[in-house]
Amino acid sequence: MNPLRPVAESAPSRSLLRKVTAGSYRIVNRLSGRKPESEAVVTRVHFNLGPGAVWNHMMLYEEVPGLPSFFLRTLLPRPIRTEGDKTRAGSTVRCVYTGGYLVKRITAVVRPHSLQFDVIEQSLGIEDCIRTRGGSYQILSCGDASDVVLITNYQAYLHPRCLWRPLEMLLIRQLHRHILRGICAAVVPRNREIKLGVAESVAESIATPCTYPGALACTISESCSRR
């Protein structure tokens, strides 16, 4: 048995987990919930790989093998699998989580440069605090290399925003990092000369080493914008 493969849960267990999660977020909403505001978090990473090579390893959050970070597992349901085709505009992808799901509609696909989607259904138990509206992957050519830009758009209900926005940014940054690490891990077996280095840029620049055996330098920068 693959130790990283999520263990199937019974329907009663999923139902209980969903009720507990929803109840906790509902309490937070009653204490801090206000009129929702639109927010966006952007992560940009430079790969010393061409757009085609990166595109071939693109994956949604729910497709990344292995467990998400402890922080993601604490605040979000754990992703299990996806059902559907993410490479065709107009198709829908159902993303299954422990105790919930969301549905993404692919709105635009331009190989090997762009993938965009809207979230048309979300039932994760966190809807009283945050609702994902959509996102995109953009792969920009930089000579023989490429820049990958991940964008997540969401509706935020919790106030004051100066308190909750940094926590939301941290959560989504970790989600983006999980995706990027999954892409890098998928590339490494094919190219043993690739290395990943990480540098954060939020309010100020903070260098953080993050290496994979054998690979090219990548730079990750993250930002949050209010819409």
C-alpha atoms as a PDB file:
ATOM      1  CA  MET A   1       0.000   0.000   0.000  1.00  0.00           C
ATOM      2  CA  ASN A   2       1.277   3.475  -0.861  1.00  0.00           C
ATOM      3  CA  PRO A   3       1.755   5.295   2.475  1.00  0.00           C
ATOM      4  CA  LEU A   4       1.032   8.645   0.791  1.00  0.00           C
ATOM      5  CA  ARG A   5      -2.265   7.523  -0.688  1.00  0.00           C
ATOM      6  CA  PRO A   6      -5.232   8.896   1.285  1.00  0.00           C
ATOM      7  CA  VAL A   7      -7.155   6.217   3.122  1.00  0.00           C
ATOM      8  CA  ALA A   8     -10.789   5.967   2.132  1.00  0.00           C
ATOM      9  CA  GLU A   9     -13.160   7.200   4.789  1.00  0.00           C
ATOM     10  CA  SER A  10     -16.613   5.959   5.570  1.00  0.00           C
ATOM     11  CA  ALA A  11     -19.611   8.155   4.788  1.00  0.00           C
ATOM     12  CA  PRO A  12     -20.413   8.711   8.521  1.00  0.00           C
ATOM     13  CA  SER A  13     -16.797   9.808   9.153  1.00  0.00           C
ATOM     14  CA  ARG A  14     -16.887  12.268   6.253  1.00  0.00           C
ATOM     15  CA  SER A  15     -20.233  13.625   7.395  1.00  0.00           C
ATOM     16  CA  LEU A  16     -19.019  14.138  10.971  1.00  0.00           C
ATOM     17  CA  LEU A  17     -15.811  15.814   9.825  1.00  0.00           C
ATOM     18  CA  ARG A  18     -17.734  18.135   7.570  1.00  0.00           C
ATOM     19  CA  LYS A  19     -20.133  19.128  10.371  1.00  0.00           C
ATOM     20  CA  VAL A  20     -17.299  19.819  12.801  1.00  0.00           C
ATOM     21  CA  THR A  21     -15.376  21.886  10.230  1.00  0.00           C
ATOM     22  CA  ALA A  22     -18.443  23.852   9.169  1.00  0.00           C
ATOM     23  CA  GLY A  23     -19.408  24.476  12.803  1.00  0.00           C
ATOM     24  CA  SER A  24     -15.983  25.863  13.675  1.00  0.00           C
ATOM     25  CA  TYR A  25     -15.916  28.235  10.709  1.00  0.00           C
ATOM     26  CA  ARG A  26     -19.505  29.303  11.379  1.00  0.00           C
ATOM     27  CA  ILE A  27     -18.519  30.393  14.880  1.00  0.00           C
ATOM     28  CA  VAL A  28     -15.594  32.409  13.471  1.00  0.00           C
ATOM     29  CA  ASN A  29     -17.947  34.023  10.957  1.00  0.00           C
ATOM     30  CA  ARG A  30     -20.379  35.073  13.692  1.00  0.00           C
ATOM     31  CA  LEU A  31     -17.553  36.724  15.582  1.00  0.00           C
ATOM     32  CA  SER A  32     -15.779  38.385  12.657  1.00  0.00           C
ATOM     33  CA  GLY A  33     -17.938  37.969   9.543  1.00  0.00           C
ATOM     34  CA  ARG A  34     -18.872  41.029   7.512  1.00  0.00           C
ATOM     35  CA  LYS A  35     -19.661  41.907   3.903  1.00  0.00           C
ATOM     36  CA  PRO A  36     -17.274  39.912   1.660  1.00  0.00           C
ATOM     37  CA  GLU A  37     -14.358  41.543  -0.128  1.00  0.00           C
ATOM     38  CA  SER A  38     -12.602  40.267  -3.238  1.00  0.00           C
ATOM     39  CA  GLU A  39      -8.968  39.317  -2.786  1.00  0.00           C
ATOM     40  CA  ALA A  40      -6.240  37.757  -4.917  1.00  0.00           C
ATOM     41  CA  VAL A  41      -2.923  36.084  -4.102  1.00  0.00           C
ATOM     42  CA  VAL A  42      -0.257  35.813  -6.799  1.00  0.00           C
ATOM     43  CA  THR A  43       2.825  33.576  -6.768  1.00  0.00           C
ATOM     44  CA  ARG A  44       5.460  33.858  -9.494  1.00  0.00           C
ATOM     45  CA  VAL A  45       8.207  31.266 -10.006  1.00  0.00           C
ATOM     46  CA  HIS A  46      11.053  31.112 -12.525  1.00  0.00           C
ATOM     47  CA  PHE A  47      11.909  27.721 -14.022  1.00  0.00           C
ATOM     48  CA  ASN A  48      14.990  27.065 -16.135  1.00  0.00           C
ATOM     49  CA  LEU A  49      12.749  24.935 -18.320  1.00  0.00           C
ATOM     50  CA  GLY A  50      10.781  25.766 -21.435  1.00  0.00           C
ATOM     51  CA  PRO A  51       7.005  26.350 -21.260  1.00  0.00           C
ATOM     52  CA  GLY A  52       6.295  22.969 -22.863  1.00  0.00           C
ATOM     53  CA  ALA A  53       8.215  21.033 -20.217  1.00  0.00           C
ATOM     54  CA  VAL A  54       6.494  22.919 -17.403  1.00  0.00           C
ATOM     55  CA  TRP A  55       3.073  22.508 -19.004  1.00  0.00           C
ATOM     56  CA  ASN A  56       3.525  18.749 -19.191  1.00  0.00           C
ATOM     57  CA  HIS A  57       3.830  18.658 -15.380  1.00  0.00           C
ATOM     58  CA  MET A  58       1.110  21.168 -14.470  1.00  0.00           C
ATOM     59  CA  MET A  59      -1.271  19.917 -11.808  1.00  0.00           C
ATOM     60  CA  LEU A  60      -4.133  21.197  -9.721  1.00  0.00           C
ATOM     61  CA  TYR A  61      -3.781  21.328  -5.944  1.00  0.00           C
ATOM     62  CA  GLU A  62      -5.929  18.232  -5.615  1.00  0.00           C
ATOM     63  CA  GLU A  63      -3.659  16.279  -7.997  1.00  0.00           C
ATOM     64  CA  VAL A  64      -0.367  16.823  -6.164  1.00  0.00           C
ATOM     65  CA  PRO A  65       0.850  13.529  -4.652  1.00  0.00           C
ATOM     66  CA  GLY A  66       1.836  13.397  -1.007  1.00  0.00           C
ATOM     67  CA  LEU A  67       0.394  15.156   2.020  1.00  0.00           C
ATOM     68  CA  PRO A  68      -0.024  18.949   2.144  1.00  0.00           C
ATOM     69  CA  SER A  69       1.738  20.817   4.948  1.00  0.00           C
ATOM     70  CA  PHE A  70       0.486  20.532   8.526  1.00  0.00           C
ATOM     71  CA  PHE A  71      -0.845  24.112   8.286  1.00  0.00           C
ATOM     72  CA  LEU A  72      -2.932  23.281   5.206  1.00  0.00           C
ATOM     73  CA  ARG A  73      -4.202  20.052   6.757  1.00  0.00           C
ATOM     74  CA  THR A  74      -5.198  21.927   9.927  1.00  0.00           C
ATOM     75  CA  LEU A  75      -7.204  24.683   8.258  1.00  0.00           C
ATOM     76  CA  LEU A  76      -8.501  22.966   5.126  1.00  0.00           C
ATOM     77  CA  PRO A  77     -10.051  19.589   4.316  1.00  0.00           C
ATOM     78  CA  ARG A  78      -7.525  17.198   2.767  1.00  0.00           C
ATOM     79  CA  PRO A  79      -7.711  16.753  -1.031  1.00  0.00           C
ATOM     80  CA  ILE A  80      -8.275  13.196  -2.257  1.00  0.00           C
ATOM     81  CA  ARG A  81      -8.681  13.194  -6.038  1.00  0.00           C
ATOM     82  CA  THR A  82     -10.053  14.956  -9.116  1.00  0.00           C
ATOM     83  CA  GLU A  83     -12.645  13.765 -11.594  1.00  0.00           C
ATOM     84  CA  GLY A  84     -12.690  15.338 -15.042  1.00  0.00           C
ATOM     85  CA  ASP A  85     -10.454  16.832 -17.745  1.00  0.00           C
ATOM     86  CA  LYS A  86      -8.551  20.027 -16.889  1.00  0.00           C
ATOM     87  CA  THR A  87      -7.014  20.400 -20.364  1.00  0.00           C
ATOM     88  CA  ARG A  88     -10.189  21.293 -22.270  1.00  0.00           C
ATOM     89  CA  ALA A  89     -11.992  24.647 -22.081  1.00  0.00           C
ATOM     90  CA  GLY A  90     -15.614  24.264 -21.030  1.00  0.00           C
ATOM     91  CA  SER A  91     -15.057  21.039 -19.097  1.00  0.00           C
ATOM     92  CA  THR A  92     -15.656  20.690 -15.363  1.00  0.00           C
ATOM     93  CA  VAL A  93     -13.392  19.101 -12.788  1.00  0.00           C
ATOM     94  CA  ARG A  94     -14.852  17.804  -9.537  1.00  0.00           C
ATOM     95  CA  CYS A  95     -12.286  17.988  -6.734  1.00  0.00           C
ATOM     96  CA  VAL A  96     -13.013  15.577  -3.889  1.00  0.00           C
ATOM     97  CA  TYR A  97     -11.880  16.323  -0.330  1.00  0.00           C
ATOM     98  CA  THR A  98     -12.337  14.636   3.020  1.00  0.00           C
ATOM     99  CA  GLY A  99     -15.761  15.864   4.033  1.00  0.00           C
ATOM    100  CA  GLY A 100     -16.465  17.960   0.959  1.00  0.00           C
ATOM    101  CA  TYR A 101     -15.822  18.922  -2.646  1.00  0.00           C
ATOM    102  CA  LEU A 102     -15.554  21.796  -5.078  1.00  0.00           C
ATOM    103  CA  VAL A 103     -16.177  22.008  -8.804  1.00  0.00           C
ATOM    104  CA  LYS A 104     -13.951  23.916 -11.203  1.00  0.00           C
ATOM    105  CA  ARG A 105     -15.019  24.957 -14.693  1.00  0.00           C
ATOM    106  CA  ILE A 106     -12.103  25.328 -17.095  1.00  0.00           C
ATOM    107  CA  THR A 107     -12.675  28.655 -18.854  1.00  0.00           C
ATOM    108  CA  ALA A 108      -9.570  28.945 -21.043  1.00  0.00           C
ATOM    109  CA  VAL A 109      -6.724  26.699 -22.152  1.00  0.00           C
ATOM    110  CA  VAL A 110      -3.873  28.001 -24.310  1.00  0.00           C
ATOM    111  CA  ARG A 111      -1.156  25.336 -24.574  1.00  0.00           C
ATOM    112  CA  PRO A 112       1.471  25.652 -23.234  1.00  0.00           C
ATOM    113  CA  HIS A 113       0.922  29.093 -21.745  1.00  0.00           C
ATOM    114  CA  SER A 114      -2.342  29.460 -19.857  1.00  0.00           C
ATOM    115  CA  LEU A 115      -4.964  27.578 -17.873  1.00  0.00           C
ATOM    116  CA  GLN A 116      -7.854  29.443 -16.243  1.00  0.00           C
ATOM    117  CA  PHE A 117     -10.795  28.206 -14.198  1.00  0.00           C
ATOM    118  CA  ASP A 118     -13.776  29.382 -12.179  1.00  0.00           C
ATOM    119  CA  VAL A 119     -14.983  27.641  -9.036  1.00  0.00           C
ATOM    120  CA  ILE A 120     -18.706  27.120  -9.613  1.00  0.00           C
ATOM    121  CA  GLU A 121     -19.419  25.004  -6.518  1.00  0.00           C
ATOM    122  CA  GLN A 122     -17.717  24.901  -3.137  1.00  0.00           C
ATOM    123  CA  SER A 123     -18.781  22.699  -0.250  1.00  0.00           C
ATOM    124  CA  LEU A 124     -15.811  22.369   2.084  1.00  0.00           C
ATOM    125  CA  GLY A 125     -17.289  23.616   5.359  1.00  0.00           C
ATOM    126  CA  ILE A 126     -15.343  26.893   5.193  1.00  0.00           C
ATOM    127  CA  GLU A 127     -17.872  28.887   3.168  1.00  0.00           C
ATOM    128  CA  ASP A 128     -18.776  31.150   6.108  1.00  0.00           C
ATOM    129  CA  CYS A 129     -15.209  32.505   6.053  1.00  0.00           C
ATOM    130  CA  ILE A 130     -13.801  32.173   2.556  1.00  0.00           C
ATOM    131  CA  ARG A 131     -15.033  31.188  -0.894  1.00  0.00           C
ATOM    132  CA  THR A 132     -12.717  30.493  -3.802  1.00  0.00           C
ATOM    133  CA  ARG A 133     -13.852  32.251  -6.975  1.00  0.00           C
ATOM    134  CA  GLY A 134     -11.280  30.914  -9.435  1.00  0.00           C
ATOM    135  CA  GLY A 135      -7.670  30.939 -10.435  1.00  0.00           C
ATOM    136  CA  SER A 136      -5.174  30.610 -13.236  1.00  0.00           C
ATOM    137  CA  TYR A 137      -1.795  29.246 -14.263  1.00  0.00           C
ATOM    138  CA  GLN A 138       0.228  31.397 -16.644  1.00  0.00           C
ATOM    139  CA  ILE A 139       3.489  30.209 -18.213  1.00  0.00           C
ATOM    140  CA  LEU A 140       5.499  33.063 -19.696  1.00  0.00           C
ATOM    141  CA  SER A 141       8.401  32.413 -22.072  1.00  0.00           C
ATOM    142  CA  CYS A 142      11.776  33.803 -20.953  1.00  0.00           C
ATOM    143  CA  GLY A 143      14.192  32.663 -23.626  1.00  0.00           C
ATOM    144  CA  ASP A 144      14.844  28.983 -22.973  1.00  0.00           C
ATOM    145  CA  ALA A 145      13.265  29.309 -19.509  1.00  0.00           C
ATOM    146  CA  SER A 146       9.818  30.304 -18.274  1.00  0.00           C
ATOM    147  CA  ASP A 147       8.014  32.158 -15.484  1.00  0.00           C
ATOM    148  CA  VAL A 148       4.975  30.473 -13.951  1.00  0.00           C
ATOM    149  CA  VAL A 149       2.367  32.716 -12.329  1.00  0.00           C
ATOM    150  CA  LEU A 150      -0.227  31.146 -10.031  1.00  0.00           C
ATOM    151  CA  ILE A 151      -3.253  33.294  -9.128  1.00  0.00           C
ATOM    152  CA  THR A 152      -6.024  32.492  -6.654  1.00  0.00           C
ATOM    153  CA  ASN A 153      -9.096  34.752  -6.451  1.00  0.00           C
ATOM    154  CA  TYR A 154     -11.399  34.491  -3.458  1.00  0.00           C
ATOM    155  CA  GLN A 155     -14.115  36.176  -1.428  1.00  0.00           C
ATOM    156  CA  ALA A 156     -13.099  37.001   2.152  1.00  0.00           C
ATOM    157  CA  TYR A 157     -15.743  37.429   4.859  1.00  0.00           C
ATOM    158  CA  LEU A 158     -13.649  37.981   7.973  1.00  0.00           C
ATOM    159  CA  HIS A 159     -12.877  41.430   9.406  1.00  0.00           C
ATOM    160  CA  PRO A 160     -10.868  43.406  10.308  1.00  0.00           C
ATOM    161  CA  ARG A 161      -9.022  42.713   7.062  1.00  0.00           C
ATOM    162  CA  CYS A 162      -5.692  43.903   8.492  1.00  0.00           C
ATOM    163  CA  LEU A 163      -5.887  40.948  10.887  1.00  0.00           C
ATOM    164  CA  TRP A 164      -7.301  38.205   8.655  1.00  0.00           C
ATOM    165  CA  ARG A 165      -5.664  39.037   5.306  1.00  0.00           C
ATOM    166  CA  PRO A 166      -2.129  37.965   6.426  1.00  0.00           C
ATOM    167  CA  LEU A 167      -3.482  34.597   7.633  1.00  0.00           C
ATOM    168  CA  GLU A 168      -5.322  34.065   4.347  1.00  0.00           C
ATOM    169  CA  MET A 169      -2.188  35.020   2.407  1.00  0.00           C
ATOM    170  CA  LEU A 170      -0.149  32.517   4.399  1.00  0.00           C
ATOM    171  CA  LEU A 171      -2.703  29.778   3.748  1.00  0.00           C
ATOM    172  CA  ILE A 172      -2.835  30.383  -0.007  1.00  0.00           C
ATOM    173  CA  ARG A 173       0.935  30.823  -0.271  1.00  0.00           C
ATOM    174  CA  GLN A 174       1.361  27.392   1.289  1.00  0.00           C
ATOM    175  CA  LEU A 175      -1.180  25.975  -1.161  1.00  0.00           C
ATOM    176  CA  HIS A 176       0.748  27.498  -4.080  1.00  0.00           C
ATOM    177  CA  ARG A 177       4.028  26.163  -2.691  1.00  0.00           C
ATOM    178  CA  HIS A 178       2.528  22.675  -2.450  1.00  0.00           C
ATOM    179  CA  ILE A 179       1.594  22.833  -6.128  1.00  0.00           C
ATOM    180  CA  LEU A 180       5.013  24.175  -7.179  1.00  0.00           C
ATOM    181  CA  ARG A 181       6.849  21.545  -5.176  1.00  0.00           C
ATOM    182  CA  GLY A 182       4.691  18.906  -6.827  1.00  0.00           C
ATOM    183  CA  ILE A 183       5.642  20.216 -10.266  1.00  0.00           C
ATOM    184  CA  CYS A 184       9.330  20.301  -9.347  1.00  0.00           C
ATOM    185  CA  ALA A 185       9.206  16.800  -7.888  1.00  0.00           C
ATOM    186  CA  ALA A 186       7.590  15.565 -11.121  1.00  0.00           C
ATOM    187  CA  VAL A 187      10.316  17.211 -13.224  1.00  0.00           C
ATOM    188  CA  VAL A 188      13.300  15.979 -11.176  1.00  0.00           C
ATOM    189  CA  PRO A 189      13.230  12.290 -12.249  1.00  0.00           C
ATOM    190  CA  ARG A 190      13.423  13.443 -15.870  1.00  0.00           C
ATOM    191  CA  ASN A 191      16.162  16.019 -15.375  1.00  0.00           C
ATOM    192  CA  ARG A 192      18.644  15.326 -12.588  1.00  0.00           C
ATOM    193  CA  GLU A 193      20.267  18.755 -13.037  1.00  0.00           C
ATOM    194  CA  ILE A 194      17.339  20.790 -11.742  1.00  0.00           C
ATOM    195  CA  LYS A 195      17.471  22.593  -8.394  1.00  0.00           C
ATOM    196  CA  LEU A 196      14.787  24.575  -6.641  1.00  0.00           C
ATOM    197  CA  GLY A 197      15.590  27.610  -4.520  1.00  0.00           C
ATOM    198  CA  VAL A 198      12.871  29.693  -2.889  1.00  0.00           C
ATOM    199  CA  ALA A 199      12.834  33.404  -2.112  1.00  0.00           C
ATOM    200  CA  GLU A 200       9.801  35.043  -0.574  1.00  0.00           C
ATOM    201  CA  SER A 201       8.706  38.604  -1.223  1.00  0.00           C
ATOM    202  CA  VAL A 202       5.602  39.757   0.632  1.00  0.00           C
ATOM    203  CA  ALA A 203       6.128  43.029   2.511  1.00  0.00           C
ATOM    204  CA  GLU A 204       9.907  42.544   2.437  1.00  0.00           C
ATOM    205  CA  SER A 205      12.283  40.059   0.834  1.00  0.00           C
ATOM    206  CA  ILE A 206      13.209  37.004   2.902  1.00  0.00           C
ATOM    207  CA  ALA A 207      15.476  34.330   1.435  1.00  0.00           C
ATOM    208  CA  THR A 208      14.516  30.766   2.339  1.00  0.00           C
ATOM    209  CA  PRO A 209      16.445  27.780   0.949  1.00  0.00           C
ATOM    210  CA  CYS A 210      14.383  24.924  -0.402  1.00  0.00           C
ATOM    211  CA  THR A 211      16.280  22.408  -2.477  1.00  0.00           C
ATOM    212  CA  TYR A 212      15.495  19.248  -4.362  1.00  0.00           C
ATOM    213  CA  PRO A 213      18.305  16.852  -5.283  1.00  0.00           C
ATOM    214  CA  GLY A 214      19.847  17.737  -8.572  1.00  0.00           C
ATOM    215  CA  ALA A 215      17.904  20.774 -10.063  1.00  0.00           C
ATOM    216  CA  LEU A 216      17.980  24.283 -11.558  1.00  0.00           C
ATOM    217  CA  ALA A 217      17.460  27.532  -9.646  1.00  0.00           C
ATOM    218  CA  CYS A 218      13.899  28.732  -9.341  1.00  0.00           C
ATOM    219  CA  THR A 219      12.769  31.929  -7.649  1.00  0.00           C
ATOM    220  CA  ILE A 220       9.356  32.165  -6.044  1.00  0.00           C
ATOM    221  CA  SER A 221       7.841  35.530  -5.151  1.00  0.00           C
ATOM    222  CA  GLU A 222       4.400  36.016  -3.652  1.00  0.00           C
ATOM    223  CA  SER A 223       2.030  38.941  -3.345  1.00  0.00           C
ATOM    224  CA  CYS A 224      -1.503  39.705  -2.256  1.00  0.00           C
ATOM    225  CA  SER A 225      -3.816  42.265  -3.838  1.00  0.00           C
ATOM    226  CA  ARG A 226      -7.238  43.603  -2.955  1.00  0.00           C
ATOM    227  CA  ARG A 227      -9.810  43.793  -5.693  1.00  0.00           C
END
